[in-house]
Amino acid sequence: MIDASLRKMDSVLALPARRISDLLSSGLDGRAKAKRQAMDQPRVDPDQELVKRTQSGDAGAFDELVIKYTPRLYGLVYNMTSNHEDTNDLLQDIFAKAYRAIRGFRGKSSFYTWIHSIAVNMTLNFLKKRGRRFQLSLDDVDSSIQNDKEFLESTATSSPVREADLSELQRRLNEAMMKLSDDHRAVVTMFHIQGMPHAEISKILRVSEGTVRSRLFYANRQLQSYLDEFRKNPVS
């Protein structure tokens, strides 16, 4: 079941250049905001019944969870790794780990938060082992950014690159995203692309909402810096 879902996702996410551009296309940022607002509302975990059935030994119930979460997790992992093969391998490992661990899941968080936490942590560990460049100490960045006047005055939903000429902007954004540290790229992916609210991201990463906001602010500022040349000299 996992293999079939991954093969389908390969055809959906065929072009790496689409990773960020969809965020900047007309209306998507508004839809991401709507997703965050909806996720902020209290709700009963919609996966509770499938989780209980899986914990009781119903493998078919877990297959339903795999089908449900494969598209979203594929997008999350791919935007962090920029590699289809790595994404396929990681999703196999993520779902395998979730299946082994699900008997210990007690519902203190939603299944959504739980499975995303597994996915993000495993992907970050993979990227560190792969030797991606880590630009700055996150502890230093988090503490300094939260006292930055510009950060305090900025809006939580500000996006650094909404203006377009998207054909060239796609390429520039992809390059800029890959220059971010793994942790900052993860926050940008979850907030701007997947539409998660700060509170959900903080649960997944097990950090404070203030830390999420500071990382997002820092990443946005880095993206702005990387894209200054394009904004000053747009493609005609």
C-alpha atoms as a PDB file:
ATOM      1  CA  MET A   1       0.000   0.000   0.000  1.00  0.00           C
ATOM      2  CA  ILE A   2       2.793   2.420   0.816  1.00  0.00           C
ATOM      3  CA  ASP A   3       4.596   1.694  -2.475  1.00  0.00           C
ATOM      4  CA  ALA A   4       1.439   2.324  -4.506  1.00  0.00           C
ATOM      5  CA  SER A   5       0.843   5.646  -2.792  1.00  0.00           C
ATOM      6  CA  LEU A   6       4.424   6.749  -3.390  1.00  0.00           C
ATOM      7  CA  ARG A   7       4.349   5.864  -7.071  1.00  0.00           C
ATOM      8  CA  LYS A   8       1.247   8.016  -7.443  1.00  0.00           C
ATOM      9  CA  MET A   9       2.953  10.932  -5.707  1.00  0.00           C
ATOM     10  CA  ASP A  10       5.948  10.746  -8.068  1.00  0.00           C
ATOM     11  CA  SER A  11       3.651  11.606 -10.960  1.00  0.00           C
ATOM     12  CA  VAL A  12       2.046  14.448  -9.028  1.00  0.00           C
ATOM     13  CA  LEU A  13       5.318  16.103  -7.984  1.00  0.00           C
ATOM     14  CA  ALA A  14       7.281  15.774 -11.174  1.00  0.00           C
ATOM     15  CA  LEU A  15       9.051  19.138 -11.273  1.00  0.00           C
ATOM     16  CA  PRO A  16      11.280  20.337  -8.426  1.00  0.00           C
ATOM     17  CA  ALA A  17      10.715  23.925  -9.584  1.00  0.00           C
ATOM     18  CA  ARG A  18       7.102  23.716  -8.412  1.00  0.00           C
ATOM     19  CA  ARG A  19       8.106  23.335  -4.781  1.00  0.00           C
ATOM     20  CA  ILE A  20       7.674  26.965  -3.813  1.00  0.00           C
ATOM     21  CA  SER A  21       6.011  28.596  -6.802  1.00  0.00           C
ATOM     22  CA  ASP A  22       2.558  27.280  -5.949  1.00  0.00           C
ATOM     23  CA  LEU A  23       2.738  29.238  -2.724  1.00  0.00           C
ATOM     24  CA  LEU A  24       3.111  32.451  -4.684  1.00  0.00           C
ATOM     25  CA  SER A  25       0.473  31.757  -7.309  1.00  0.00           C
ATOM     26  CA  SER A  26      -2.707  33.767  -7.023  1.00  0.00           C
ATOM     27  CA  GLY A  27      -4.860  32.789  -4.095  1.00  0.00           C
ATOM     28  CA  LEU A  28      -2.731  30.038  -2.581  1.00  0.00           C
ATOM     29  CA  ASP A  29      -1.351  32.131   0.239  1.00  0.00           C
ATOM     30  CA  GLY A  30      -4.944  32.979   1.111  1.00  0.00           C
ATOM     31  CA  ARG A  31      -5.844  29.295   1.065  1.00  0.00           C
ATOM     32  CA  ALA A  32      -2.884  28.507   3.314  1.00  0.00           C
ATOM     33  CA  LYS A  33      -4.122  31.169   5.719  1.00  0.00           C
ATOM     34  CA  ALA A  34      -7.602  29.646   5.612  1.00  0.00           C
ATOM     35  CA  LYS A  35      -6.094  26.234   6.414  1.00  0.00           C
ATOM     36  CA  ARG A  36      -4.296  27.700   9.426  1.00  0.00           C
ATOM     37  CA  GLN A  37      -7.484  29.343  10.678  1.00  0.00           C
ATOM     38  CA  ALA A  38      -9.413  26.095  10.306  1.00  0.00           C
ATOM     39  CA  MET A  39      -6.691  24.144  12.107  1.00  0.00           C
ATOM     40  CA  ASP A  40      -6.775  26.654  14.954  1.00  0.00           C
ATOM     41  CA  GLN A  41     -10.359  25.674  15.734  1.00  0.00           C
ATOM     42  CA  PRO A  42     -10.882  23.010  18.447  1.00  0.00           C
ATOM     43  CA  ARG A  43     -11.887  19.664  16.945  1.00  0.00           C
ATOM     44  CA  VAL A  44     -12.165  15.984  17.693  1.00  0.00           C
ATOM     45  CA  ASP A  45      -9.354  13.932  16.184  1.00  0.00           C
ATOM     46  CA  PRO A  46     -10.888  12.623  12.919  1.00  0.00           C
ATOM     47  CA  ASP A  47      -8.395   9.739  12.869  1.00  0.00           C
ATOM     48  CA  GLN A  48      -9.309   8.400  16.285  1.00  0.00           C
ATOM     49  CA  GLU A  49     -11.359   5.468  15.005  1.00  0.00           C
ATOM     50  CA  LEU A  50      -8.722   4.380  12.470  1.00  0.00           C
ATOM     51  CA  VAL A  51      -6.029   4.602  15.142  1.00  0.00           C
ATOM     52  CA  LYS A  52      -8.051   2.432  17.535  1.00  0.00           C
ATOM     53  CA  ARG A  53      -8.670  -0.152  14.838  1.00  0.00           C
ATOM     54  CA  THR A  54      -4.962  -0.210  13.967  1.00  0.00           C
ATOM     55  CA  GLN A  55      -4.040  -0.638  17.618  1.00  0.00           C
ATOM     56  CA  SER A  56      -6.448  -3.600  17.722  1.00  0.00           C
ATOM     57  CA  GLY A  57      -4.580  -5.286  14.874  1.00  0.00           C
ATOM     58  CA  ASP A  58      -6.543  -4.079  11.839  1.00  0.00           C
ATOM     59  CA  ALA A  59      -3.817  -3.519   9.220  1.00  0.00           C
ATOM     60  CA  GLY A  60      -6.417  -2.260   6.761  1.00  0.00           C
ATOM     61  CA  ALA A  61      -7.130   0.686   9.024  1.00  0.00           C
ATOM     62  CA  PHE A  62      -3.488   1.693   8.920  1.00  0.00           C
ATOM     63  CA  ASP A  63      -3.583   1.394   5.124  1.00  0.00           C
ATOM     64  CA  GLU A  64      -6.345   4.020   5.183  1.00  0.00           C
ATOM     65  CA  LEU A  65      -4.136   6.315   7.251  1.00  0.00           C
ATOM     66  CA  VAL A  66      -1.281   5.791   4.787  1.00  0.00           C
ATOM     67  CA  ILE A  67      -3.530   6.707   1.861  1.00  0.00           C
ATOM     68  CA  LYS A  68      -4.816   9.773   3.688  1.00  0.00           C
ATOM     69  CA  TYR A  69      -1.429  11.140   4.785  1.00  0.00           C
ATOM     70  CA  THR A  70       0.862  10.154   1.902  1.00  0.00           C
ATOM     71  CA  PRO A  71       0.149  13.248  -0.281  1.00  0.00           C
ATOM     72  CA  ARG A  72       0.664  15.718   2.554  1.00  0.00           C
ATOM     73  CA  LEU A  73       3.733  13.998   4.002  1.00  0.00           C
ATOM     74  CA  TYR A  74       5.226  13.551   0.545  1.00  0.00           C
ATOM     75  CA  GLY A  75       4.942  17.293  -0.025  1.00  0.00           C
ATOM     76  CA  LEU A  76       6.445  18.033   3.372  1.00  0.00           C
ATOM     77  CA  VAL A  77       9.428  15.707   2.987  1.00  0.00           C
ATOM     78  CA  TYR A  78      10.060  16.584  -0.641  1.00  0.00           C
ATOM     79  CA  ASN A  79      10.128  20.304   0.068  1.00  0.00           C
ATOM     80  CA  MET A  80      12.739  19.619   2.746  1.00  0.00           C
ATOM     81  CA  THR A  81      14.907  17.230   0.706  1.00  0.00           C
ATOM     82  CA  SER A  82      14.304  18.323  -2.920  1.00  0.00           C
ATOM     83  CA  ASN A  83      14.842  14.713  -3.964  1.00  0.00           C
ATOM     84  CA  HIS A  84      12.159  12.228  -5.041  1.00  0.00           C
ATOM     85  CA  GLU A  85      14.207   9.117  -4.280  1.00  0.00           C
ATOM     86  CA  ASP A  86      15.087  10.322  -0.789  1.00  0.00           C
ATOM     87  CA  THR A  87      11.447  11.254  -0.218  1.00  0.00           C
ATOM     88  CA  ASN A  88      10.230   7.801  -1.242  1.00  0.00           C
ATOM     89  CA  ASP A  89      12.746   6.106   1.039  1.00  0.00           C
ATOM     90  CA  LEU A  90      11.958   8.399   3.955  1.00  0.00           C
ATOM     91  CA  LEU A  91       8.193   7.896   3.653  1.00  0.00           C
ATOM     92  CA  GLN A  92       8.684   4.141   3.754  1.00  0.00           C
ATOM     93  CA  ASP A  93      10.663   4.563   6.968  1.00  0.00           C
ATOM     94  CA  ILE A  94       8.233   7.119   8.442  1.00  0.00           C
ATOM     95  CA  PHE A  95       5.169   4.926   7.971  1.00  0.00           C
ATOM     96  CA  ALA A  96       7.064   1.839   9.135  1.00  0.00           C
ATOM     97  CA  LYS A  97       8.099   3.635  12.323  1.00  0.00           C
ATOM     98  CA  ALA A  98       4.572   4.945  12.859  1.00  0.00           C
ATOM     99  CA  TYR A  99       3.138   1.447  12.483  1.00  0.00           C
ATOM    100  CA  ARG A 100       5.606   0.006  14.984  1.00  0.00           C
ATOM    101  CA  ALA A 101       4.954   2.804  17.468  1.00  0.00           C
ATOM    102  CA  ILE A 102       1.211   3.253  17.122  1.00  0.00           C
ATOM    103  CA  ARG A 103       0.337   0.896  19.963  1.00  0.00           C
ATOM    104  CA  GLY A 104       2.039   3.386  22.261  1.00  0.00           C
ATOM    105  CA  PHE A 105       0.052   6.328  20.867  1.00  0.00           C
ATOM    106  CA  ARG A 106      -2.252   7.555  23.642  1.00  0.00           C
ATOM    107  CA  GLY A 107      -3.945  10.445  21.918  1.00  0.00           C
ATOM    108  CA  LYS A 108      -2.364  13.229  23.978  1.00  0.00           C
ATOM    109  CA  SER A 109      -1.907  14.990  20.643  1.00  0.00           C
ATOM    110  CA  SER A 110      -3.850  14.424  17.427  1.00  0.00           C
ATOM    111  CA  PHE A 111      -2.660  11.684  15.107  1.00  0.00           C
ATOM    112  CA  TYR A 112      -1.994  14.464  12.580  1.00  0.00           C
ATOM    113  CA  THR A 113       0.482  16.115  14.940  1.00  0.00           C
ATOM    114  CA  TRP A 114       2.014  12.780  15.905  1.00  0.00           C
ATOM    115  CA  ILE A 115       2.660  11.557  12.353  1.00  0.00           C
ATOM    116  CA  HIS A 116       3.968  14.952  11.235  1.00  0.00           C
ATOM    117  CA  SER A 117       6.321  15.041  14.212  1.00  0.00           C
ATOM    118  CA  ILE A 118       7.725  11.662  13.187  1.00  0.00           C
ATOM    119  CA  ALA A 119       8.085  12.835   9.579  1.00  0.00           C
ATOM    120  CA  VAL A 120       9.797  16.125  10.390  1.00  0.00           C
ATOM    121  CA  ASN A 121      12.193  14.662  12.944  1.00  0.00           C
ATOM    122  CA  MET A 122      13.187  11.747  10.720  1.00  0.00           C
ATOM    123  CA  THR A 123      13.716  14.070   7.755  1.00  0.00           C
ATOM    124  CA  LEU A 124      15.825  16.498   9.787  1.00  0.00           C
ATOM    125  CA  ASN A 125      17.927  13.601  11.087  1.00  0.00           C
ATOM    126  CA  PHE A 126      18.353  12.337   7.535  1.00  0.00           C
ATOM    127  CA  LEU A 127      19.444  15.762   6.282  1.00  0.00           C
ATOM    128  CA  LYS A 128      21.990  16.153   9.058  1.00  0.00           C
ATOM    129  CA  LYS A 129      23.424  12.726   8.252  1.00  0.00           C
ATOM    130  CA  ARG A 130      23.471  13.666   4.585  1.00  0.00           C
ATOM    131  CA  GLY A 131      25.719  16.519   5.572  1.00  0.00           C
ATOM    132  CA  ARG A 132      23.684  19.525   4.557  1.00  0.00           C
ATOM    133  CA  ARG A 133      25.246  22.843   5.520  1.00  0.00           C
ATOM    134  CA  PHE A 134      24.092  24.255   8.862  1.00  0.00           C
ATOM    135  CA  GLN A 135      24.505  28.006   8.607  1.00  0.00           C
ATOM    136  CA  LEU A 136      24.098  29.307  12.155  1.00  0.00           C
ATOM    137  CA  SER A 137      23.479  28.139  15.684  1.00  0.00           C
ATOM    138  CA  LEU A 138      19.703  28.014  16.025  1.00  0.00           C
ATOM    139  CA  ASP A 139      19.932  28.853  19.713  1.00  0.00           C
ATOM    140  CA  ASP A 140      21.793  32.042  18.859  1.00  0.00           C
ATOM    141  CA  VAL A 141      19.385  32.920  16.067  1.00  0.00           C
ATOM    142  CA  ASP A 142      16.242  32.208  18.111  1.00  0.00           C
ATOM    143  CA  SER A 143      17.313  34.329  21.066  1.00  0.00           C
ATOM    144  CA  SER A 144      18.574  37.276  19.035  1.00  0.00           C
ATOM    145  CA  ILE A 145      15.747  37.410  16.516  1.00  0.00           C
ATOM    146  CA  GLN A 146      13.025  37.530  19.188  1.00  0.00           C
ATOM    147  CA  ASN A 147      14.541  40.803  20.429  1.00  0.00           C
ATOM    148  CA  ASP A 148      14.863  42.248  16.924  1.00  0.00           C
ATOM    149  CA  LYS A 149      12.751  45.406  16.475  1.00  0.00           C
ATOM    150  CA  GLU A 150      11.866  44.491  12.886  1.00  0.00           C
ATOM    151  CA  PHE A 151      10.699  41.061  14.025  1.00  0.00           C
ATOM    152  CA  LEU A 152       8.534  42.511  16.755  1.00  0.00           C
ATOM    153  CA  GLU A 153       6.913  44.909  14.294  1.00  0.00           C
ATOM    154  CA  SER A 154       6.436  42.433  11.464  1.00  0.00           C
ATOM    155  CA  THR A 155       3.207  40.523  10.913  1.00  0.00           C
ATOM    156  CA  ALA A 156       3.169  36.796  11.537  1.00  0.00           C
ATOM    157  CA  THR A 157       1.765  36.044   8.090  1.00  0.00           C
ATOM    158  CA  SER A 158       4.080  38.260   6.042  1.00  0.00           C
ATOM    159  CA  SER A 159       5.570  36.514   3.012  1.00  0.00           C
ATOM    160  CA  PRO A 160       8.848  37.842   1.594  1.00  0.00           C
ATOM    161  CA  VAL A 161       8.174  37.234  -2.085  1.00  0.00           C
ATOM    162  CA  ARG A 162       4.550  37.583  -3.066  1.00  0.00           C
ATOM    163  CA  GLU A 163       5.198  39.692  -6.146  1.00  0.00           C
ATOM    164  CA  ALA A 164       5.715  37.649  -9.245  1.00  0.00           C
ATOM    165  CA  ASP A 165       7.088  37.019 -12.689  1.00  0.00           C
ATOM    166  CA  LEU A 166       6.756  33.448 -11.546  1.00  0.00           C
ATOM    167  CA  SER A 167       8.719  31.672 -14.263  1.00  0.00           C
ATOM    168  CA  GLU A 168      12.013  33.180 -13.097  1.00  0.00           C
ATOM    169  CA  LEU A 169      10.893  33.449  -9.503  1.00  0.00           C
ATOM    170  CA  GLN A 170      10.396  29.671  -9.341  1.00  0.00           C
ATOM    171  CA  ARG A 171      14.051  29.066 -10.038  1.00  0.00           C
ATOM    172  CA  ARG A 172      15.233  31.785  -7.665  1.00  0.00           C
ATOM    173  CA  LEU A 173      12.977  30.530  -4.877  1.00  0.00           C
ATOM    174  CA  ASN A 174      14.164  26.957  -5.210  1.00  0.00           C
ATOM    175  CA  GLU A 175      17.771  28.092  -5.007  1.00  0.00           C
ATOM    176  CA  ALA A 176      17.005  30.366  -2.055  1.00  0.00           C
ATOM    177  CA  MET A 177      15.101  27.654  -0.167  1.00  0.00           C
ATOM    178  CA  MET A 178      17.995  25.241  -0.469  1.00  0.00           C
ATOM    179  CA  LYS A 179      20.338  27.855   1.022  1.00  0.00           C
ATOM    180  CA  LEU A 180      18.321  27.895   4.243  1.00  0.00           C
ATOM    181  CA  SER A 181      19.313  25.618   7.088  1.00  0.00           C
ATOM    182  CA  ASP A 182      17.300  22.395   7.314  1.00  0.00           C
ATOM    183  CA  ASP A 183      15.379  23.617  10.372  1.00  0.00           C
ATOM    184  CA  HIS A 184      14.457  26.950   8.824  1.00  0.00           C
ATOM    185  CA  ARG A 185      13.398  25.280   5.578  1.00  0.00           C
ATOM    186  CA  ALA A 186      11.166  22.961   7.597  1.00  0.00           C
ATOM    187  CA  VAL A 187       9.366  25.905   9.229  1.00  0.00           C
ATOM    188  CA  VAL A 188       8.887  27.680   5.890  1.00  0.00           C
ATOM    189  CA  THR A 189       7.504  24.469   4.384  1.00  0.00           C
ATOM    190  CA  MET A 190       5.060  23.846   7.211  1.00  0.00           C
ATOM    191  CA  PHE A 191       3.846  27.443   7.504  1.00  0.00           C
ATOM    192  CA  HIS A 192       3.855  28.863   3.971  1.00  0.00           C
ATOM    193  CA  ILE A 193       3.305  25.713   1.902  1.00  0.00           C
ATOM    194  CA  GLN A 194       1.357  23.354   4.140  1.00  0.00           C
ATOM    195  CA  GLY A 195      -0.610  26.103   5.847  1.00  0.00           C
ATOM    196  CA  MET A 196       0.025  25.011   9.427  1.00  0.00           C
ATOM    197  CA  PRO A 197      -0.554  27.522  12.247  1.00  0.00           C
ATOM    198  CA  HIS A 198       2.272  28.454  14.587  1.00  0.00           C
ATOM    199  CA  ALA A 199       0.714  26.416  17.407  1.00  0.00           C
ATOM    200  CA  GLU A 200       0.680  23.207  15.342  1.00  0.00           C
ATOM    201  CA  ILE A 201       4.263  23.698  14.185  1.00  0.00           C
ATOM    202  CA  SER A 202       5.389  24.267  17.777  1.00  0.00           C
ATOM    203  CA  LYS A 203       3.799  20.951  18.815  1.00  0.00           C
ATOM    204  CA  ILE A 204       5.442  19.094  15.946  1.00  0.00           C
ATOM    205  CA  LEU A 205       8.888  20.569  16.607  1.00  0.00           C
ATOM    206  CA  ARG A 206       8.441  20.638  20.397  1.00  0.00           C
ATOM    207  CA  VAL A 207       9.538  24.256  20.653  1.00  0.00           C
ATOM    208  CA  SER A 208       7.692  27.389  21.765  1.00  0.00           C
ATOM    209  CA  GLU A 209       5.492  29.384  19.409  1.00  0.00           C
ATOM    210  CA  GLY A 210       7.910  32.280  19.883  1.00  0.00           C
ATOM    211  CA  THR A 211      10.717  30.103  18.567  1.00  0.00           C
ATOM    212  CA  VAL A 212       8.598  29.108  15.563  1.00  0.00           C
ATOM    213  CA  ARG A 213       7.868  32.766  14.831  1.00  0.00           C
ATOM    214  CA  SER A 214      11.517  33.758  15.155  1.00  0.00           C
ATOM    215  CA  ARG A 215      12.684  30.967  12.848  1.00  0.00           C
ATOM    216  CA  LEU A 216      10.036  31.871  10.314  1.00  0.00           C
ATOM    217  CA  PHE A 217      10.956  35.543  10.510  1.00  0.00           C
ATOM    218  CA  TYR A 218      14.651  34.760  10.086  1.00  0.00           C
ATOM    219  CA  ALA A 219      13.954  32.442   7.133  1.00  0.00           C
ATOM    220  CA  ASN A 220      11.741  35.056   5.471  1.00  0.00           C
ATOM    221  CA  ARG A 221      14.435  37.669   5.914  1.00  0.00           C
ATOM    222  CA  GLN A 222      17.030  35.315   4.402  1.00  0.00           C
ATOM    223  CA  LEU A 223      14.764  34.643   1.435  1.00  0.00           C
ATOM    224  CA  GLN A 224      14.305  38.377   0.985  1.00  0.00           C
ATOM    225  CA  SER A 225      18.058  38.832   0.947  1.00  0.00           C
ATOM    226  CA  TYR A 226      18.587  36.038  -1.580  1.00  0.00           C
ATOM    227  CA  LEU A 227      15.891  37.446  -3.861  1.00  0.00           C
ATOM    228  CA  ASP A 228      16.856  41.132  -3.713  1.00  0.00           C
ATOM    229  CA  GLU A 229      18.542  40.977  -7.104  1.00  0.00           C
ATOM    230  CA  PHE A 230      15.446  39.544  -8.750  1.00  0.00           C
ATOM    231  CA  ARG A 231      13.164  42.160  -7.214  1.00  0.00           C
ATOM    232  CA  LYS A 232      15.476  44.981  -8.324  1.00  0.00           C
ATOM    233  CA  ASN A 233      15.871  43.538 -11.828  1.00  0.00           C
ATOM    234  CA  PRO A 234      12.675  41.631 -12.659  1.00  0.00           C
ATOM    235  CA  VAL A 235      12.372  39.651 -15.843  1.00  0.00           C
ATOM    236  CA  SER A 236      10.657  41.784 -18.480  1.00  0.00           C
END
